Amino acid sequence: MIILAGASVRPITHSAAQSGFETLAIDFFGDLDCCGEVVTPHDHGLPPSTGSLLEIARGIDCSGLIYGAGPENHGPALQHWEERGLLLGNGPSTLAHARDPYLLRETLGQIGVEMPEFHSAEKPLVPGNRLLKPLFRGGGHGIIKLPECTTKARRVLSKLERPERYIVQEQLEGTPGSVTFLADGRRALVVGTSAQLTQGERSSFSYLGNIVPLPQPYPAFWGGMAKIASHLTAAFGLKGLGTLDFILAPSSVMVLELNPRWSGSVELIESWLGQSLFQAHLEACAGKLPDPAKWEKMISERPVRFYSKKIIYARTSFIVRNYYGGWQPLYDRGIRDIPKPGCQTREGEPICTVLAQGASEEECYFLLNKKETWVRKFYEQSEGR
């Protein structure tokens, strides 16, 4: 049995089930549509923190642990798994180097790739459109836009308890996207790209969703992203699935950050590919990549089809209603991360995820928005509120 630990690991449970693996999921929600056994910190009388996830995992006999968003911020806890030879992903040392924005900038500079201008929150503020980004986070949580007024922005920075744990980064215009790759410690193989959703009512930079694939903006795009992924893999010794976030300019990309773990866009890439990446992740962690020629041929033969997801965040607080007739009808509608009846959902927290596919990005947006309307009516306007 393999343990899957993260803030929300439902997509990884589906990938594992498709590949025939038995898993135990440990996340914050314990959603009804997780495959296999699932537990939450609440089940163990613990607070909903990523540290609690790894605390629960430590007492369970298993054949390995894969982490999603969250646990990468807990190096000492992951060290326990690496020392036992059971960590199926990047270890604490690799994470510390790969997630260091200063080292990432230096490493990318070796091949002429740039990041938006940034500096430590401890240093004097550079005026302009700026974002304040915590160094230890996941899913975009904690990122805020600083006031354009320099005086007000300095006031925000002065209230930080530990400014050394933040950077101030230039906010660029452009299309946000990501590239996902498999790494074996030396080489990388790009498996898919995505555009990140940015529209909607959200007031933060929390992860909202993706559309897969990202249409190739210029002829050298795919090869350029493969070069970057391979360079970072060799420099940091990356293993397994990883995702690189960027801002797309007309003829180049500006790298934002590297997430050397399973990411939220993977389930859409799997749908686009028509296969699970779970086995490939395990093999990459063991030092084996798929044959590049066969992989590129398979990708080139994929039909033109787009796959998308959107996280629906609550606009009000409510208690999840009972599913009279069961939750399967919601699943059949393309609803995922289906919450348990009776659980409290507060304003700003995720309700669930909606999936849609179509012949164009525009069709995906239309279907996602239509499903969002239905979800809000079902949950936020129900008698269970």
Protein backbone atom coordinates (compact mmCIF):
# COMPACT_ATOMS: atom_id res chain seq x y z
CA MET A 1 0.00 0.00 0.00
CA ILE A 2 1.22 3.51 -0.90
CA ILE A 3 0.34 6.54 1.23
CA LEU A 4 -0.77 9.68 -0.59
CA ALA A 5 -0.45 12.80 1.59
CA GLY A 6 -1.35 16.38 0.73
CA ALA A 7 -3.91 19.12 1.19
CA SER A 8 -6.12 17.43 -1.42
CA VAL A 9 -5.02 14.14 -3.01
CA ARG A 10 -8.23 12.93 -4.66
CA PRO A 11 -6.73 13.23 -8.19
CA ILE A 12 -3.72 11.12 -7.19
CA THR A 13 -6.00 8.40 -5.78
CA HIS A 14 -7.75 8.18 -9.16
CA SER A 15 -4.44 7.95 -11.01
CA ALA A 16 -3.22 5.20 -8.67
CA ALA A 17 -6.47 3.24 -9.01
CA GLN A 18 -6.25 3.40 -12.82
CA SER A 19 -2.78 1.87 -12.58
CA GLY A 20 -3.93 -0.85 -10.18
CA PHE A 21 -2.29 0.38 -6.97
CA GLU A 22 -3.76 0.18 -3.47
CA THR A 23 -3.47 3.48 -1.60
CA LEU A 24 -4.32 5.25 1.63
CA ALA A 25 -5.18 8.92 1.15
CA ILE A 26 -4.46 11.42 3.94
CA ASP A 27 -5.75 14.93 3.24
CA PHE A 28 -7.81 17.75 4.72
CA PHE A 29 -11.15 16.84 3.18
CA GLY A 30 -11.64 13.08 2.83
CA ASP A 31 -13.88 13.71 -0.18
CA LEU A 32 -16.47 11.10 -1.08
CA ASP A 33 -15.03 10.46 -4.54
CA CYS A 34 -11.53 9.53 -3.36
CA CYS A 35 -10.51 6.04 -4.50
CA GLY A 36 -9.48 3.63 -1.76
CA GLU A 37 -9.26 4.34 1.95
CA VAL A 38 -9.06 7.97 3.07
CA VAL A 39 -8.48 9.62 6.46
CA THR A 40 -8.25 13.24 7.62
CA PRO A 41 -6.57 14.99 10.57
CA HIS A 42 -10.07 15.45 12.02
CA ASP A 43 -10.47 11.66 12.14
CA HIS A 44 -7.39 11.55 14.39
CA GLY A 45 -8.31 14.55 16.54
CA LEU A 46 -5.60 16.68 14.95
CA PRO A 47 -5.72 20.20 13.48
CA PRO A 48 -6.00 20.51 9.67
CA SER A 49 -2.34 21.21 8.91
CA THR A 50 0.12 19.64 6.49
CA GLY A 51 2.26 18.75 9.47
CA SER A 52 -0.65 16.69 10.82
CA LEU A 53 -0.85 14.79 7.53
CA LEU A 54 2.72 13.58 7.86
CA GLU A 55 2.27 12.87 11.57
CA ILE A 56 -0.58 10.49 10.75
CA ALA A 57 1.41 8.88 7.92
CA ARG A 58 4.40 8.20 10.13
CA GLY A 59 2.51 5.61 12.18
CA ILE A 60 1.27 3.58 9.20
CA ASP A 61 3.00 0.57 7.66
CA CYS A 62 3.30 1.05 3.88
CA SER A 63 5.48 0.53 0.83
CA GLY A 64 6.04 4.22 0.14
CA LEU A 65 4.76 7.80 0.38
CA ILE A 66 3.88 10.27 -2.38
CA TYR A 67 3.10 13.87 -1.42
CA GLY A 68 1.02 16.52 -3.13
CA ALA A 69 0.76 20.21 -2.24
CA GLY A 70 1.69 21.07 1.35
CA PRO A 71 4.13 18.47 2.72
CA GLU A 72 7.00 19.89 0.65
CA ASN A 73 7.16 22.62 3.33
CA HIS A 74 8.05 20.06 6.01
CA GLY A 75 11.57 18.91 5.21
CA PRO A 76 12.35 17.31 8.59
CA ALA A 77 9.21 15.17 8.45
CA LEU A 78 10.00 14.05 4.88
CA GLN A 79 13.54 13.20 5.97
CA HIS A 80 12.08 10.31 7.98
CA TRP A 81 10.66 8.79 4.79
CA GLU A 82 13.77 9.39 2.72
CA GLU A 83 15.99 7.71 5.33
CA ARG A 84 13.73 4.64 5.23
CA GLY A 85 13.90 4.54 1.42
CA LEU A 86 10.13 5.05 1.20
CA LEU A 87 9.90 8.58 -0.20
CA LEU A 88 8.53 8.35 -3.75
CA GLY A 89 9.48 11.83 -4.82
CA ASN A 90 12.04 14.54 -4.13
CA GLY A 91 13.74 14.60 -0.73
CA PRO A 92 14.21 17.55 1.65
CA SER A 93 17.61 18.59 0.29
CA THR A 94 16.39 18.62 -3.30
CA LEU A 95 13.26 20.52 -2.30
CA ALA A 96 15.26 23.13 -0.42
CA HIS A 97 17.43 23.86 -3.45
CA ALA A 98 14.74 23.63 -6.14
CA ARG A 99 12.31 25.87 -4.25
CA ASP A 100 14.88 28.54 -3.41
CA PRO A 101 13.98 31.41 -5.79
CA TYR A 102 17.50 32.89 -5.65
CA LEU A 103 19.12 29.59 -6.59
CA LEU A 104 16.44 28.96 -9.22
CA ARG A 105 17.14 32.34 -10.79
CA GLU A 106 20.87 31.63 -10.85
CA THR A 107 20.36 28.16 -12.34
CA LEU A 108 18.00 29.41 -15.06
CA GLY A 109 20.43 32.19 -15.89
CA GLN A 110 22.97 29.55 -16.91
CA ILE A 111 20.83 28.86 -20.01
CA GLY A 112 19.62 32.42 -20.55
CA VAL A 113 16.14 31.99 -19.04
CA GLU A 114 14.78 34.81 -16.90
CA MET A 115 12.43 35.23 -13.95
CA PRO A 116 10.47 38.39 -13.10
CA GLU A 117 12.57 40.81 -11.05
CA PHE A 118 12.31 40.12 -7.32
CA HIS A 119 14.07 40.89 -4.06
CA SER A 120 13.83 39.99 -0.39
CA ALA A 121 11.06 41.67 1.59
CA GLU A 122 13.84 42.75 3.98
CA LYS A 123 15.39 45.03 1.34
CA PRO A 124 14.17 48.51 0.29
CA LEU A 125 11.03 48.33 -1.84
CA VAL A 126 11.39 48.80 -5.59
CA PRO A 127 8.33 50.79 -6.81
CA GLY A 128 5.97 49.31 -9.40
CA ASN A 129 3.39 46.53 -9.71
CA ARG A 130 4.57 44.08 -7.06
CA LEU A 131 3.42 40.86 -5.43
CA LEU A 132 4.29 39.74 -1.93
CA LYS A 133 5.02 35.99 -1.98
CA PRO A 134 5.73 33.70 0.98
CA LEU A 135 8.63 31.31 0.34
CA PHE A 136 6.95 28.36 2.07
CA ARG A 137 3.49 27.84 0.64
CA GLY A 138 1.50 25.89 -1.96
CA GLY A 139 -1.34 26.45 -4.40
CA GLY A 140 -0.82 30.21 -4.53
CA HIS A 141 -1.94 30.67 -0.91
CA GLY A 142 -0.60 33.71 0.88
CA ILE A 143 0.31 35.70 -2.25
CA ILE A 144 -1.05 39.26 -2.21
CA LYS A 145 -0.76 42.26 -4.51
CA LEU A 146 1.03 45.13 -2.79
CA PRO A 147 -0.55 48.59 -2.97
CA GLU A 148 0.80 50.68 -5.83
CA CYS A 149 1.32 53.52 -3.38
CA THR A 150 4.87 53.03 -2.11
CA THR A 151 4.04 54.35 1.36
CA LYS A 152 1.15 51.92 1.77
CA ALA A 153 3.20 49.03 0.40
CA ARG A 154 5.99 49.74 2.90
CA ARG A 155 3.41 49.76 5.66
CA VAL A 156 2.31 46.25 4.63
CA LEU A 157 5.90 45.02 4.62
CA SER A 158 6.61 46.57 8.02
CA LYS A 159 3.94 44.36 9.59
CA LEU A 160 5.58 41.09 8.50
CA GLU A 161 6.79 39.10 11.49
CA ARG A 162 9.48 37.29 9.47
CA PRO A 163 10.20 39.32 6.30
CA GLU A 164 13.09 36.98 5.41
CA ARG A 165 10.46 34.35 4.55
CA TYR A 166 8.98 36.53 1.76
CA ILE A 167 10.00 37.96 -1.57
CA VAL A 168 8.62 40.95 -3.44
CA GLN A 169 8.21 40.07 -7.11
CA GLU A 170 7.35 42.13 -10.18
CA GLN A 171 3.85 41.39 -11.45
CA LEU A 172 3.94 40.82 -15.22
CA GLU A 173 1.18 40.92 -17.81
CA GLY A 174 0.73 37.79 -19.90
CA THR A 175 -0.77 34.33 -19.97
CA PRO A 176 0.08 32.23 -16.91
CA GLY A 177 0.82 28.62 -17.74
CA SER A 178 2.78 25.58 -16.66
CA VAL A 179 4.71 22.66 -18.08
CA THR A 180 4.68 19.25 -16.39
CA PHE A 181 7.54 16.81 -16.79
CA LEU A 182 8.90 13.49 -15.60
CA ALA A 183 12.43 13.51 -14.20
CA ASP A 184 14.84 10.66 -13.41
CA GLY A 185 17.47 12.69 -11.56
CA ARG A 186 19.46 13.44 -14.72
CA ARG A 187 17.06 13.89 -17.61
CA ALA A 188 13.50 15.18 -18.08
CA LEU A 189 10.63 14.36 -20.40
CA VAL A 190 7.84 16.91 -20.92
CA VAL A 191 4.43 15.23 -20.63
CA GLY A 192 2.07 18.18 -21.01
CA THR A 193 1.34 21.89 -20.74
CA SER A 194 -1.54 23.88 -19.31
CA ALA A 195 -2.97 27.38 -19.16
CA GLN A 196 -3.94 28.52 -15.68
CA LEU A 197 -7.38 29.95 -15.04
CA THR A 198 -7.30 33.52 -13.79
CA GLN A 199 -10.78 34.86 -14.44
CA GLY A 200 -13.52 34.90 -11.86
CA GLU A 201 -14.40 36.55 -8.61
CA ARG A 202 -11.51 35.40 -6.45
CA SER A 203 -9.77 38.06 -4.40
CA SER A 204 -6.53 36.10 -3.93
CA PHE A 205 -3.99 34.20 -6.00
CA SER A 206 -5.11 30.77 -4.80
CA TYR A 207 -5.03 28.02 -7.40
CA LEU A 208 -8.21 28.22 -9.50
CA GLY A 209 -7.76 25.56 -12.19
CA ASN A 210 -6.30 24.82 -15.64
CA ILE A 211 -7.04 24.10 -19.27
CA VAL A 212 -4.93 21.43 -21.01
CA PRO A 213 -3.15 21.70 -23.37
CA LEU A 214 -1.72 25.18 -23.70
CA PRO A 215 -1.73 25.90 -27.46
CA GLN A 216 1.87 26.15 -28.66
CA PRO A 217 2.47 29.93 -28.90
CA TYR A 218 5.54 29.71 -31.17
CA PRO A 219 7.35 26.85 -32.97
CA ALA A 220 10.23 26.48 -30.51
CA PHE A 221 8.02 26.52 -27.39
CA TRP A 222 7.85 22.77 -26.64
CA GLY A 223 11.57 22.27 -27.28
CA GLY A 224 12.41 25.29 -25.16
CA MET A 225 10.40 24.03 -22.21
CA ALA A 226 12.02 20.60 -22.56
CA LYS A 227 15.45 22.26 -22.42
CA ILE A 228 14.53 24.15 -19.25
CA ALA A 229 13.07 21.06 -17.56
CA SER A 230 16.14 18.99 -18.43
CA HIS A 231 18.53 21.67 -17.19
CA LEU A 232 16.71 22.00 -13.86
CA THR A 233 16.53 18.23 -13.47
CA ALA A 234 20.27 17.84 -13.93
CA ALA A 235 21.06 20.83 -11.70
CA PHE A 236 18.83 19.81 -8.78
CA GLY A 237 18.60 16.04 -9.25
CA LEU A 238 14.82 16.13 -9.63
CA LYS A 239 12.83 12.88 -9.62
CA GLY A 240 9.25 12.00 -10.53
CA LEU A 241 6.59 14.45 -11.67
CA GLY A 242 7.32 18.16 -11.46
CA THR A 243 5.71 21.35 -12.74
CA LEU A 244 7.23 24.65 -13.80
CA ASP A 245 5.00 27.75 -13.68
CA PHE A 246 5.59 30.65 -16.04
CA ILE A 247 4.20 33.78 -17.66
CA LEU A 248 3.95 33.52 -21.43
CA ALA A 249 5.24 36.45 -23.49
CA PRO A 250 4.87 36.68 -27.31
CA SER A 251 8.11 34.82 -28.06
CA SER A 252 9.48 33.66 -24.70
CA VAL A 253 8.59 32.66 -21.16
CA MET A 254 9.34 34.14 -17.76
CA VAL A 255 9.63 31.40 -15.15
CA LEU A 256 7.74 32.03 -11.90
CA GLU A 257 8.52 28.98 -9.77
CA LEU A 258 9.29 25.28 -9.72
CA ASN A 259 7.02 22.78 -7.95
CA PRO A 260 8.95 19.49 -7.75
CA ARG A 261 5.91 17.37 -6.84
CA TRP A 262 2.57 16.10 -8.12
CA SER A 263 0.47 19.13 -9.14
CA GLY A 264 -3.19 19.90 -9.72
CA SER A 265 -2.88 19.99 -13.52
CA VAL A 266 -1.71 16.37 -13.75
CA GLU A 267 -5.22 14.89 -13.83
CA LEU A 268 -6.06 16.99 -16.90
CA ILE A 269 -2.82 15.99 -18.61
CA GLU A 270 -3.72 12.35 -17.91
CA SER A 271 -7.13 12.88 -19.54
CA TRP A 272 -5.46 14.52 -22.54
CA LEU A 273 -2.94 11.68 -22.82
CA GLY A 274 -5.59 9.02 -22.22
CA GLN A 275 -3.53 7.29 -19.54
CA SER A 276 -2.48 7.42 -15.90
CA LEU A 277 0.94 8.82 -15.01
CA PHE A 278 1.17 7.04 -11.65
CA GLN A 279 3.34 4.16 -12.85
CA ALA A 280 5.49 6.56 -14.87
CA HIS A 281 6.01 8.66 -11.73
CA LEU A 282 7.17 5.63 -9.76
CA GLU A 283 9.52 4.53 -12.52
CA ALA A 284 10.97 8.03 -12.89
CA CYS A 285 11.67 8.12 -9.14
CA ALA A 286 13.56 4.85 -9.67
CA GLY A 287 15.62 6.39 -12.49
CA LYS A 288 13.69 5.24 -15.57
CA LEU A 289 11.94 7.47 -18.12
CA PRO A 290 9.60 6.46 -20.96
CA ASP A 291 11.16 6.19 -24.41
CA PRO A 292 11.24 9.82 -25.70
CA ALA A 293 10.60 8.89 -29.35
CA LYS A 294 7.55 6.78 -28.52
CA TRP A 295 6.26 9.43 -26.14
CA GLU A 296 6.60 12.26 -28.65
CA LYS A 297 4.89 10.15 -31.30
CA MET A 298 1.98 9.44 -28.96
CA ILE A 299 1.59 13.13 -28.11
CA SER A 300 1.75 14.20 -31.76
CA GLU A 301 -1.11 11.82 -32.56
CA ARG A 302 -3.44 13.12 -29.85
CA PRO A 303 -6.71 14.52 -31.26
CA VAL A 304 -7.39 18.22 -30.78
CA ARG A 305 -9.34 18.24 -27.52
CA PHE A 306 -9.17 20.44 -24.42
CA TYR A 307 -9.61 19.34 -20.80
CA SER A 308 -10.29 21.74 -17.95
CA LYS A 309 -11.02 22.04 -14.25
CA LYS A 310 -12.13 24.84 -11.97
CA ILE A 311 -12.06 25.02 -8.18
CA ILE A 312 -15.30 26.50 -6.86
CA TYR A 313 -14.72 28.65 -3.78
CA ALA A 314 -17.59 29.37 -1.42
CA ARG A 315 -19.15 32.85 -1.43
CA THR A 316 -20.89 32.17 1.87
CA SER A 317 -20.67 29.73 4.76
CA PHE A 318 -22.93 26.67 4.78
CA ILE A 319 -23.28 23.09 5.95
CA VAL A 320 -23.15 20.50 3.16
CA ARG A 321 -26.55 18.94 2.51
CA ASN A 322 -27.39 15.24 2.39
CA TYR A 323 -27.12 13.59 -1.02
CA TYR A 324 -30.51 11.98 -1.35
CA GLY A 325 -30.00 9.30 -3.99
CA GLY A 326 -26.23 9.29 -3.36
CA TRP A 327 -23.35 11.36 -4.72
CA GLN A 328 -22.82 9.39 -7.95
CA PRO A 329 -25.14 11.70 -9.98
CA LEU A 330 -22.84 14.62 -9.09
CA TYR A 331 -19.80 12.64 -10.20
CA ASP A 332 -21.55 11.86 -13.49
CA ARG A 333 -22.03 15.63 -14.00
CA GLY A 334 -18.27 16.16 -13.85
CA ILE A 335 -18.20 17.23 -10.19
CA ARG A 336 -15.10 16.17 -8.25
CA ASP A 337 -13.82 16.59 -4.69
CA ILE A 338 -17.37 15.98 -3.49
CA PRO A 339 -17.63 17.03 0.19
CA LYS A 340 -19.14 14.88 2.92
CA PRO A 341 -22.69 15.66 4.12
CA GLY A 342 -22.78 17.67 7.32
CA CYS A 343 -19.34 19.24 6.97
CA GLN A 344 -18.95 22.99 7.45
CA THR A 345 -17.76 25.00 4.45
CA ARG A 346 -16.79 28.57 5.19
CA GLU A 347 -16.69 31.58 2.90
CA GLY A 348 -13.54 31.51 0.78
CA GLU A 349 -12.94 27.77 1.20
CA PRO A 350 -13.20 25.32 -1.74
CA ILE A 351 -16.57 23.63 -2.19
CA CYS A 352 -15.58 21.20 -4.94
CA THR A 353 -14.03 20.98 -8.41
CA VAL A 354 -15.81 20.91 -11.77
CA LEU A 355 -14.38 19.24 -14.89
CA ALA A 356 -15.22 19.93 -18.52
CA GLN A 357 -13.85 19.06 -21.94
CA GLY A 358 -14.48 20.55 -25.33
CA ALA A 359 -13.23 21.20 -28.84
CA SER A 360 -11.87 24.63 -27.84
CA GLU A 361 -10.77 26.63 -24.83
CA GLU A 362 -13.87 28.78 -25.25
CA GLU A 363 -16.14 25.74 -24.97
CA CYS A 364 -14.33 24.67 -21.80
CA TYR A 365 -14.82 28.10 -20.22
CA PHE A 366 -18.51 28.03 -21.12
CA LEU A 367 -19.05 24.57 -19.64
CA LEU A 368 -17.03 25.32 -16.49
CA ASN A 369 -19.07 28.47 -15.82
CA LYS A 370 -22.31 26.60 -16.46
CA LYS A 371 -21.33 23.88 -14.00
CA GLU A 372 -20.22 26.46 -11.46
CA THR A 373 -23.68 28.04 -11.56
CA TRP A 374 -25.28 24.63 -10.94
CA VAL A 375 -22.88 23.84 -8.09
CA ARG A 376 -23.56 27.13 -6.33
CA LYS A 377 -27.29 26.60 -6.57
CA PHE A 378 -26.97 23.02 -5.30
CA TYR A 379 -24.73 23.80 -2.30
CA GLU A 380 -25.00 27.47 -1.36
CA GLN A 381 -28.76 27.78 -1.89
CA SER A 382 -29.70 24.38 -0.44
CA GLU A 383 -31.78 23.76 2.65
CA GLY A 384 -28.64 22.43 4.30
CA ARG A 385 -27.18 25.94 4.55
